[in-house]
Amino acid sequence: MSGAALSLREVAVPGRLHPVSLELAPGLVVGLAGPNGSGKSTLLAVAAGLSPGAGRGRHDVRWNGDAVAAIPALERGRRAAWAPAEARFEFGFTVRSVVAQGRYAHGDDGAGVDEALARMDLLALADRPVDRLSGGERQRVLLARALATGAPLQLWDEPLAPLDPRHGLEVLALARDHARAGGLVVFSLHDLRLAHGLDRVVLLDRGRLCAAGEPAEVLTAERVRTVFGVDWRIEPGPTLSLP
């Protein structure tokens, strides 16, 4: 899988995101952490080419070395996928038809749709209207649509928030599989316990980049107390895993 590297150079959104620079290589699962309003969703939108990040360089966002601004729209749809945090559907399209939208950039060929439905445990719901699903089920539809694109760069905004424990673990396992295949997964999260199972953590606070690196280096007790206002301890305790 190629084309998964992500480069951000001094990207910024006035009033929401101060200049941020990041280099993320293929083969990683990366978590964006930070308090509410810290800029996680904004940074993801900029990385996805959905927001005009204003930086000093002419081309602020690059996918595998290519300036996103210069990549044709359909090619963008083949190289990167975006899953928003809120699953809002105004019409009663079926689950299958929504997931199949991920193949638009490939000429609506339908390839990989059934596989994406299966990976997100949606085959039994494939013919159900999306406006009759629970919040967690709708979130899984969005993730399945992103997977169906086959895009090496996957950008997910709060994908775990509405999911039950089993489906949350399955999403994390899926992200790991995608990274092992050479892709790059970047998603926002609030549960710092989950962050310790990721390859990299990017910590934001009030629109500023506080730290980026391996979880143990970024999520120190002092930094977590400063950013979140809570005490942070890592102790042996209950754990969840897939059977």
C-alpha atoms as a PDB file:
ATOM      1  CA  MET A   1       0.000   0.000   0.000  1.00  0.00           C
ATOM      2  CA  SER A   2       1.525   3.325  -1.057  1.00  0.00           C
ATOM      3  CA  GLY A   3       0.687   6.974  -0.644  1.00  0.00           C
ATOM      4  CA  ALA A   4       0.038   6.956   3.103  1.00  0.00           C
ATOM      5  CA  ALA A   5       2.658   9.437   4.352  1.00  0.00           C
ATOM      6  CA  LEU A   6       1.201  12.671   5.762  1.00  0.00           C
ATOM      7  CA  SER A   7       3.102  15.941   6.043  1.00  0.00           C
ATOM      8  CA  LEU A   8       1.732  19.113   7.623  1.00  0.00           C
ATOM      9  CA  ARG A   9       3.824  22.258   7.378  1.00  0.00           C
ATOM     10  CA  GLU A  10       2.798  25.215   9.505  1.00  0.00           C
ATOM     11  CA  VAL A  11      -0.897  24.575   8.892  1.00  0.00           C
ATOM     12  CA  ALA A  12      -3.209  26.903  10.776  1.00  0.00           C
ATOM     13  CA  VAL A  13      -6.833  27.991  10.903  1.00  0.00           C
ATOM     14  CA  PRO A  14      -7.345  31.495  12.300  1.00  0.00           C
ATOM     15  CA  GLY A  15      -9.031  31.414  15.687  1.00  0.00           C
ATOM     16  CA  ARG A  16      -9.019  27.625  15.839  1.00  0.00           C
ATOM     17  CA  LEU A  17      -5.585  26.173  15.134  1.00  0.00           C
ATOM     18  CA  HIS A  18      -2.160  27.707  15.619  1.00  0.00           C
ATOM     19  CA  PRO A  19       0.610  26.672  13.176  1.00  0.00           C
ATOM     20  CA  VAL A  20       1.193  22.929  13.377  1.00  0.00           C
ATOM     21  CA  SER A  21       3.915  20.896  11.655  1.00  0.00           C
ATOM     22  CA  LEU A  22       3.892  17.094  11.635  1.00  0.00           C
ATOM     23  CA  GLU A  23       5.490  14.276   9.688  1.00  0.00           C
ATOM     24  CA  LEU A  24       3.680  10.920   9.897  1.00  0.00           C
ATOM     25  CA  ALA A  25       5.019   7.875   8.071  1.00  0.00           C
ATOM     26  CA  PRO A  26       3.112   4.888   6.664  1.00  0.00           C
ATOM     27  CA  GLY A  27       2.607   1.911   8.940  1.00  0.00           C
ATOM     28  CA  LEU A  28       1.420   3.892  11.966  1.00  0.00           C
ATOM     29  CA  VAL A  29      -1.746   4.184  14.028  1.00  0.00           C
ATOM     30  CA  VAL A  30      -1.801   7.723  15.403  1.00  0.00           C
ATOM     31  CA  GLY A  31      -4.123   9.223  18.015  1.00  0.00           C
ATOM     32  CA  LEU A  32      -4.976  12.900  18.348  1.00  0.00           C
ATOM     33  CA  ALA A  33      -5.652  13.733  21.982  1.00  0.00           C
ATOM     34  CA  GLY A  34      -6.672  16.898  23.757  1.00  0.00           C
ATOM     35  CA  PRO A  35      -9.516  18.543  25.678  1.00  0.00           C
ATOM     36  CA  ASN A  36     -12.758  19.559  23.998  1.00  0.00           C
ATOM     37  CA  GLY A  37     -12.112  22.434  21.626  1.00  0.00           C
ATOM     38  CA  SER A  38      -8.372  21.801  21.447  1.00  0.00           C
ATOM     39  CA  GLY A  39      -8.326  21.588  17.631  1.00  0.00           C
ATOM     40  CA  LYS A  40      -8.403  17.843  16.987  1.00  0.00           C
ATOM     41  CA  SER A  41     -11.287  17.902  14.497  1.00  0.00           C
ATOM     42  CA  THR A  42      -9.907  21.012  12.832  1.00  0.00           C
ATOM     43  CA  LEU A  43      -6.488  19.419  12.374  1.00  0.00           C
ATOM     44  CA  LEU A  44      -8.050  16.284  10.903  1.00  0.00           C
ATOM     45  CA  ALA A  45     -10.111  18.360   8.484  1.00  0.00           C
ATOM     46  CA  VAL A  46      -7.002  20.232   7.362  1.00  0.00           C
ATOM     47  CA  ALA A  47      -5.105  16.953   6.930  1.00  0.00           C
ATOM     48  CA  ALA A  48      -7.991  15.629   4.824  1.00  0.00           C
ATOM     49  CA  GLY A  49      -7.878  18.671   2.548  1.00  0.00           C
ATOM     50  CA  LEU A  50     -11.337  19.771   3.739  1.00  0.00           C
ATOM     51  CA  SER A  51     -10.208  23.007   5.383  1.00  0.00           C
ATOM     52  CA  PRO A  52      -7.848  25.623   3.938  1.00  0.00           C
ATOM     53  CA  GLY A  53      -5.102  25.493   6.555  1.00  0.00           C
ATOM     54  CA  ALA A  54      -3.250  28.814   6.289  1.00  0.00           C
ATOM     55  CA  GLY A  55       0.515  28.455   6.762  1.00  0.00           C
ATOM     56  CA  ARG A  56       3.668  30.098   5.563  1.00  0.00           C
ATOM     57  CA  GLY A  57       4.413  27.551   2.860  1.00  0.00           C
ATOM     58  CA  ARG A  58       2.620  27.521  -0.477  1.00  0.00           C
ATOM     59  CA  HIS A  59       1.551  23.914  -0.025  1.00  0.00           C
ATOM     60  CA  ASP A  60       0.842  23.126   3.604  1.00  0.00           C
ATOM     61  CA  VAL A  61      -0.534  19.592   3.405  1.00  0.00           C
ATOM     62  CA  ARG A  62       1.146  16.782   1.486  1.00  0.00           C
ATOM     63  CA  TRP A  63       0.156  13.161   0.960  1.00  0.00           C
ATOM     64  CA  ASN A  64       3.142  11.004   0.147  1.00  0.00           C
ATOM     65  CA  GLY A  65       5.057  14.109  -0.883  1.00  0.00           C
ATOM     66  CA  ASP A  66       2.339  15.521  -3.151  1.00  0.00           C
ATOM     67  CA  ALA A  67       0.662  18.830  -2.327  1.00  0.00           C
ATOM     68  CA  VAL A  68      -3.000  18.105  -1.670  1.00  0.00           C
ATOM     69  CA  ALA A  69      -4.010  21.313  -3.425  1.00  0.00           C
ATOM     70  CA  ALA A  70      -2.533  19.920  -6.653  1.00  0.00           C
ATOM     71  CA  ILE A  71      -4.175  16.477  -6.463  1.00  0.00           C
ATOM     72  CA  PRO A  72      -7.331  16.128  -8.621  1.00  0.00           C
ATOM     73  CA  ALA A  73     -10.552  15.589  -6.672  1.00  0.00           C
ATOM     74  CA  LEU A  74     -11.142  11.977  -7.734  1.00  0.00           C
ATOM     75  CA  GLU A  75      -7.544  11.068  -7.020  1.00  0.00           C
ATOM     76  CA  ARG A  76      -7.953  12.507  -3.527  1.00  0.00           C
ATOM     77  CA  GLY A  77     -10.869  10.132  -3.022  1.00  0.00           C
ATOM     78  CA  ARG A  78      -8.634   7.199  -3.874  1.00  0.00           C
ATOM     79  CA  ARG A  79      -5.772   8.268  -1.649  1.00  0.00           C
ATOM     80  CA  ALA A  80      -7.444   9.464   1.559  1.00  0.00           C
ATOM     81  CA  ALA A  81     -10.680   8.725   3.404  1.00  0.00           C
ATOM     82  CA  TRP A  82     -12.475  10.841   5.990  1.00  0.00           C
ATOM     83  CA  ALA A  83     -14.972   9.647   8.597  1.00  0.00           C
ATOM     84  CA  PRO A  84     -16.681  12.518  10.459  1.00  0.00           C
ATOM     85  CA  ALA A  85     -17.566  12.397  14.121  1.00  0.00           C
ATOM     86  CA  GLU A  86     -21.295  12.906  13.649  1.00  0.00           C
ATOM     87  CA  ALA A  87     -23.252  10.434  11.552  1.00  0.00           C
ATOM     88  CA  ARG A  88     -26.062  12.584  10.189  1.00  0.00           C
ATOM     89  CA  PHE A  89     -28.199  11.136   7.434  1.00  0.00           C
ATOM     90  CA  GLU A  90     -31.092  13.176   6.066  1.00  0.00           C
ATOM     91  CA  PHE A  91     -32.421  10.444   3.783  1.00  0.00           C
ATOM     92  CA  GLY A  92     -33.209   6.782   4.295  1.00  0.00           C
ATOM     93  CA  PHE A  93     -30.556   5.299   2.039  1.00  0.00           C
ATOM     94  CA  THR A  94     -29.694   1.707   2.796  1.00  0.00           C
ATOM     95  CA  VAL A  95     -26.533   0.872   4.695  1.00  0.00           C
ATOM     96  CA  ARG A  96     -25.109  -0.851   1.618  1.00  0.00           C
ATOM     97  CA  SER A  97     -25.726   2.148  -0.638  1.00  0.00           C
ATOM     98  CA  VAL A  98     -24.022   4.518   1.828  1.00  0.00           C
ATOM     99  CA  VAL A  99     -20.979   2.267   2.142  1.00  0.00           C
ATOM    100  CA  ALA A 100     -20.873   1.935  -1.655  1.00  0.00           C
ATOM    101  CA  GLN A 101     -20.465   5.720  -1.888  1.00  0.00           C
ATOM    102  CA  GLY A 102     -16.872   5.068  -0.890  1.00  0.00           C
ATOM    103  CA  ARG A 103     -16.287   3.642  -4.361  1.00  0.00           C
ATOM    104  CA  TYR A 104     -17.336   6.787  -6.233  1.00  0.00           C
ATOM    105  CA  ALA A 105     -13.751   7.798  -6.968  1.00  0.00           C
ATOM    106  CA  HIS A 106     -13.197   4.336  -8.452  1.00  0.00           C
ATOM    107  CA  GLY A 107     -16.136   4.591 -10.832  1.00  0.00           C
ATOM    108  CA  ASP A 108     -18.722   3.035  -8.503  1.00  0.00           C
ATOM    109  CA  ASP A 109     -17.251  -0.408  -9.121  1.00  0.00           C
ATOM    110  CA  GLY A 110     -18.561  -1.836  -5.833  1.00  0.00           C
ATOM    111  CA  ALA A 111     -15.254  -3.527  -5.035  1.00  0.00           C
ATOM    112  CA  GLY A 112     -14.648  -4.154  -1.362  1.00  0.00           C
ATOM    113  CA  VAL A 113     -18.118  -3.074  -0.217  1.00  0.00           C
ATOM    114  CA  ASP A 114     -19.128  -6.453   1.179  1.00  0.00           C
ATOM    115  CA  GLU A 115     -15.739  -6.802   2.860  1.00  0.00           C
ATOM    116  CA  ALA A 116     -16.132  -3.384   4.517  1.00  0.00           C
ATOM    117  CA  LEU A 117     -19.636  -4.304   5.679  1.00  0.00           C
ATOM    118  CA  ALA A 118     -18.321  -7.526   7.171  1.00  0.00           C
ATOM    119  CA  ARG A 119     -15.385  -5.841   8.905  1.00  0.00           C
ATOM    120  CA  MET A 120     -17.785  -3.388  10.552  1.00  0.00           C
ATOM    121  CA  ASP A 121     -20.302  -6.102  11.491  1.00  0.00           C
ATOM    122  CA  LEU A 122     -22.942  -4.571   9.192  1.00  0.00           C
ATOM    123  CA  LEU A 123     -23.883  -7.392   6.818  1.00  0.00           C
ATOM    124  CA  ALA A 124     -27.083  -8.130   8.739  1.00  0.00           C
ATOM    125  CA  LEU A 125     -28.007  -4.433   8.482  1.00  0.00           C
ATOM    126  CA  ALA A 126     -27.018  -3.943   4.842  1.00  0.00           C
ATOM    127  CA  ASP A 127     -30.567  -3.369   3.591  1.00  0.00           C
ATOM    128  CA  ARG A 128     -31.762  -1.286   6.531  1.00  0.00           C
ATOM    129  CA  PRO A 129     -32.234   2.490   6.079  1.00  0.00           C
ATOM    130  CA  VAL A 130     -29.428   4.378   7.792  1.00  0.00           C
ATOM    131  CA  ASP A 131     -31.866   6.776   9.473  1.00  0.00           C
ATOM    132  CA  ARG A 132     -33.231   3.832  11.460  1.00  0.00           C
ATOM    133  CA  LEU A 133     -29.925   2.871  13.038  1.00  0.00           C
ATOM    134  CA  SER A 134     -28.516   3.619  16.464  1.00  0.00           C
ATOM    135  CA  GLY A 135     -25.711   6.134  16.868  1.00  0.00           C
ATOM    136  CA  GLY A 136     -23.089   3.408  17.147  1.00  0.00           C
ATOM    137  CA  GLU A 137     -24.410   1.604  14.085  1.00  0.00           C
ATOM    138  CA  ARG A 138     -24.352   4.824  12.052  1.00  0.00           C
ATOM    139  CA  GLN A 139     -20.762   5.434  13.119  1.00  0.00           C
ATOM    140  CA  ARG A 140     -19.819   1.976  11.882  1.00  0.00           C
ATOM    141  CA  VAL A 141     -21.452   2.801   8.545  1.00  0.00           C
ATOM    142  CA  LEU A 142     -19.216   5.863   8.203  1.00  0.00           C
ATOM    143  CA  LEU A 143     -16.151   3.802   8.996  1.00  0.00           C
ATOM    144  CA  ALA A 144     -17.192   1.098   6.533  1.00  0.00           C
ATOM    145  CA  ARG A 145     -17.583   3.747   3.829  1.00  0.00           C
ATOM    146  CA  ALA A 146     -14.083   5.032   4.589  1.00  0.00           C
ATOM    147  CA  LEU A 147     -12.682   1.497   4.412  1.00  0.00           C
ATOM    148  CA  ALA A 148     -14.460   0.813   1.130  1.00  0.00           C
ATOM    149  CA  THR A 149     -12.432   3.563  -0.528  1.00  0.00           C
ATOM    150  CA  GLY A 150      -9.322   1.419  -0.185  1.00  0.00           C
ATOM    151  CA  ALA A 151      -7.470   4.655   0.592  1.00  0.00           C
ATOM    152  CA  PRO A 152      -4.072   4.202   2.261  1.00  0.00           C
ATOM    153  CA  LEU A 153      -4.580   7.339   4.402  1.00  0.00           C
ATOM    154  CA  GLN A 154      -7.500   6.969   6.812  1.00  0.00           C
ATOM    155  CA  LEU A 155      -8.599   9.988   8.870  1.00  0.00           C
ATOM    156  CA  TRP A 156     -11.315   9.357  11.463  1.00  0.00           C
ATOM    157  CA  ASP A 157     -12.852  11.901  13.813  1.00  0.00           C
ATOM    158  CA  GLU A 158     -13.903  10.401  17.182  1.00  0.00           C
ATOM    159  CA  PRO A 159     -14.610   6.940  15.712  1.00  0.00           C
ATOM    160  CA  LEU A 160     -14.785   5.172  19.089  1.00  0.00           C
ATOM    161  CA  ALA A 161     -17.019   7.549  21.041  1.00  0.00           C
ATOM    162  CA  PRO A 162     -20.421   5.959  20.221  1.00  0.00           C
ATOM    163  CA  LEU A 163     -19.229   2.346  20.004  1.00  0.00           C
ATOM    164  CA  ASP A 164     -19.697  -0.449  22.517  1.00  0.00           C
ATOM    165  CA  PRO A 165     -16.546  -2.173  23.865  1.00  0.00           C
ATOM    166  CA  ARG A 166     -16.490  -5.023  21.329  1.00  0.00           C
ATOM    167  CA  HIS A 167     -16.949  -2.836  18.272  1.00  0.00           C
ATOM    168  CA  GLY A 168     -14.447  -0.336  19.648  1.00  0.00           C
ATOM    169  CA  LEU A 169     -11.818  -3.050  19.964  1.00  0.00           C
ATOM    170  CA  GLU A 170     -12.630  -4.293  16.473  1.00  0.00           C
ATOM    171  CA  VAL A 171     -12.076  -0.814  15.061  1.00  0.00           C
ATOM    172  CA  LEU A 172      -8.699  -0.608  16.789  1.00  0.00           C
ATOM    173  CA  ALA A 173      -7.770  -4.043  15.407  1.00  0.00           C
ATOM    174  CA  LEU A 174      -8.839  -2.926  11.955  1.00  0.00           C
ATOM    175  CA  ALA A 175      -6.695   0.207  12.233  1.00  0.00           C
ATOM    176  CA  ARG A 176      -3.737  -1.960  13.214  1.00  0.00           C
ATOM    177  CA  ASP A 177      -4.300  -4.266  10.218  1.00  0.00           C
ATOM    178  CA  HIS A 178      -4.452  -1.264   7.894  1.00  0.00           C
ATOM    179  CA  ALA A 179      -1.170   0.073   9.269  1.00  0.00           C
ATOM    180  CA  ARG A 180       0.527  -3.323   8.956  1.00  0.00           C
ATOM    181  CA  ALA A 181      -0.443  -3.321   5.274  1.00  0.00           C
ATOM    182  CA  GLY A 182       1.427  -0.025   4.850  1.00  0.00           C
ATOM    183  CA  GLY A 183      -1.403   2.416   5.461  1.00  0.00           C
ATOM    184  CA  LEU A 184      -1.623   5.290   7.929  1.00  0.00           C
ATOM    185  CA  VAL A 185      -4.531   5.759  10.336  1.00  0.00           C
ATOM    186  CA  VAL A 186      -4.988   9.025  12.226  1.00  0.00           C
ATOM    187  CA  PHE A 187      -7.954   9.459  14.542  1.00  0.00           C
ATOM    188  CA  SER A 188      -9.046  11.614  17.441  1.00  0.00           C
ATOM    189  CA  LEU A 189      -9.893  10.153  20.833  1.00  0.00           C
ATOM    190  CA  HIS A 190     -10.577  11.105  24.445  1.00  0.00           C
ATOM    191  CA  ASP A 191      -9.732   7.902  26.311  1.00  0.00           C
ATOM    192  CA  LEU A 192      -6.063   8.271  27.182  1.00  0.00           C
ATOM    193  CA  ARG A 193      -5.913   4.620  28.248  1.00  0.00           C
ATOM    194  CA  LEU A 194      -6.453   3.605  24.626  1.00  0.00           C
ATOM    195  CA  ALA A 195      -3.741   5.989  23.499  1.00  0.00           C
ATOM    196  CA  HIS A 196      -1.095   3.810  25.130  1.00  0.00           C
ATOM    197  CA  GLY A 197      -1.811   1.060  22.601  1.00  0.00           C
ATOM    198  CA  LEU A 198      -1.068   3.315  19.629  1.00  0.00           C
ATOM    199  CA  ASP A 199       2.166   3.972  17.778  1.00  0.00           C
ATOM    200  CA  ARG A 200       2.113   7.754  18.124  1.00  0.00           C
ATOM    201  CA  VAL A 201       0.130  10.354  20.036  1.00  0.00           C
ATOM    202  CA  VAL A 202      -0.330  13.980  19.008  1.00  0.00           C
ATOM    203  CA  LEU A 203      -1.403  16.170  21.939  1.00  0.00           C
ATOM    204  CA  LEU A 204      -3.217  19.449  21.336  1.00  0.00           C
ATOM    205  CA  ASP A 205      -4.357  22.147  23.738  1.00  0.00           C
ATOM    206  CA  ARG A 206      -6.242  25.330  22.851  1.00  0.00           C
ATOM    207  CA  GLY A 207      -5.282  25.000  19.208  1.00  0.00           C
ATOM    208  CA  ARG A 208      -1.595  24.464  19.874  1.00  0.00           C
ATOM    209  CA  LEU A 209       0.577  21.408  19.394  1.00  0.00           C
ATOM    210  CA  CYS A 210       1.892  20.416  22.824  1.00  0.00           C
ATOM    211  CA  ALA A 211       3.791  17.248  21.964  1.00  0.00           C
ATOM    212  CA  ALA A 212       3.990  14.426  19.428  1.00  0.00           C
ATOM    213  CA  GLY A 213       5.713  11.079  19.706  1.00  0.00           C
ATOM    214  CA  GLU A 214       5.391   7.712  21.362  1.00  0.00           C
ATOM    215  CA  PRO A 215       2.587   7.540  23.954  1.00  0.00           C
ATOM    216  CA  ALA A 216       4.832   7.146  27.000  1.00  0.00           C
ATOM    217  CA  GLU A 217       6.872  10.180  25.939  1.00  0.00           C
ATOM    218  CA  VAL A 218       3.864  12.398  25.257  1.00  0.00           C
ATOM    219  CA  LEU A 219       1.454  11.415  28.037  1.00  0.00           C
ATOM    220  CA  THR A 220       3.572  12.181  31.064  1.00  0.00           C
ATOM    221  CA  ALA A 221       1.879  12.841  34.414  1.00  0.00           C
ATOM    222  CA  GLU A 222       2.969  16.474  34.397  1.00  0.00           C
ATOM    223  CA  ARG A 223       1.791  17.132  30.840  1.00  0.00           C
ATOM    224  CA  VAL A 224      -1.569  15.426  31.354  1.00  0.00           C
ATOM    225  CA  ARG A 225      -2.145  17.428  34.527  1.00  0.00           C
ATOM    226  CA  THR A 226      -1.295  20.658  32.714  1.00  0.00           C
ATOM    227  CA  VAL A 227      -3.434  19.979  29.645  1.00  0.00           C
ATOM    228  CA  PHE A 228      -6.407  18.115  31.125  1.00  0.00           C
ATOM    229  CA  GLY A 229      -6.322  19.163  34.754  1.00  0.00           C
ATOM    230  CA  VAL A 230      -6.395  15.574  36.016  1.00  0.00           C
ATOM    231  CA  ASP A 231      -3.918  13.271  37.710  1.00  0.00           C
ATOM    232  CA  TRP A 232      -2.580  10.551  35.414  1.00  0.00           C
ATOM    233  CA  ARG A 233      -1.422   7.192  36.695  1.00  0.00           C
ATOM    234  CA  ILE A 234      -0.724   3.957  34.883  1.00  0.00           C
ATOM    235  CA  GLU A 235      -1.524   1.021  37.112  1.00  0.00           C
ATOM    236  CA  PRO A 236      -2.343  -2.633  36.522  1.00  0.00           C
ATOM    237  CA  GLY A 237      -6.088  -3.090  36.306  1.00  0.00           C
ATOM    238  CA  PRO A 238      -8.984  -4.537  34.301  1.00  0.00           C
ATOM    239  CA  THR A 239      -8.341  -4.887  30.588  1.00  0.00           C
ATOM    240  CA  LEU A 240     -10.476  -5.769  27.579  1.00  0.00           C
ATOM    241  CA  SER A 241      -9.430  -7.824  24.579  1.00  0.00           C
ATOM    242  CA  LEU A 242     -11.108  -9.624  21.700  1.00  0.00           C
ATOM    243  CA  PRO A 243     -11.543 -13.392  22.179  1.00  0.00           C
END
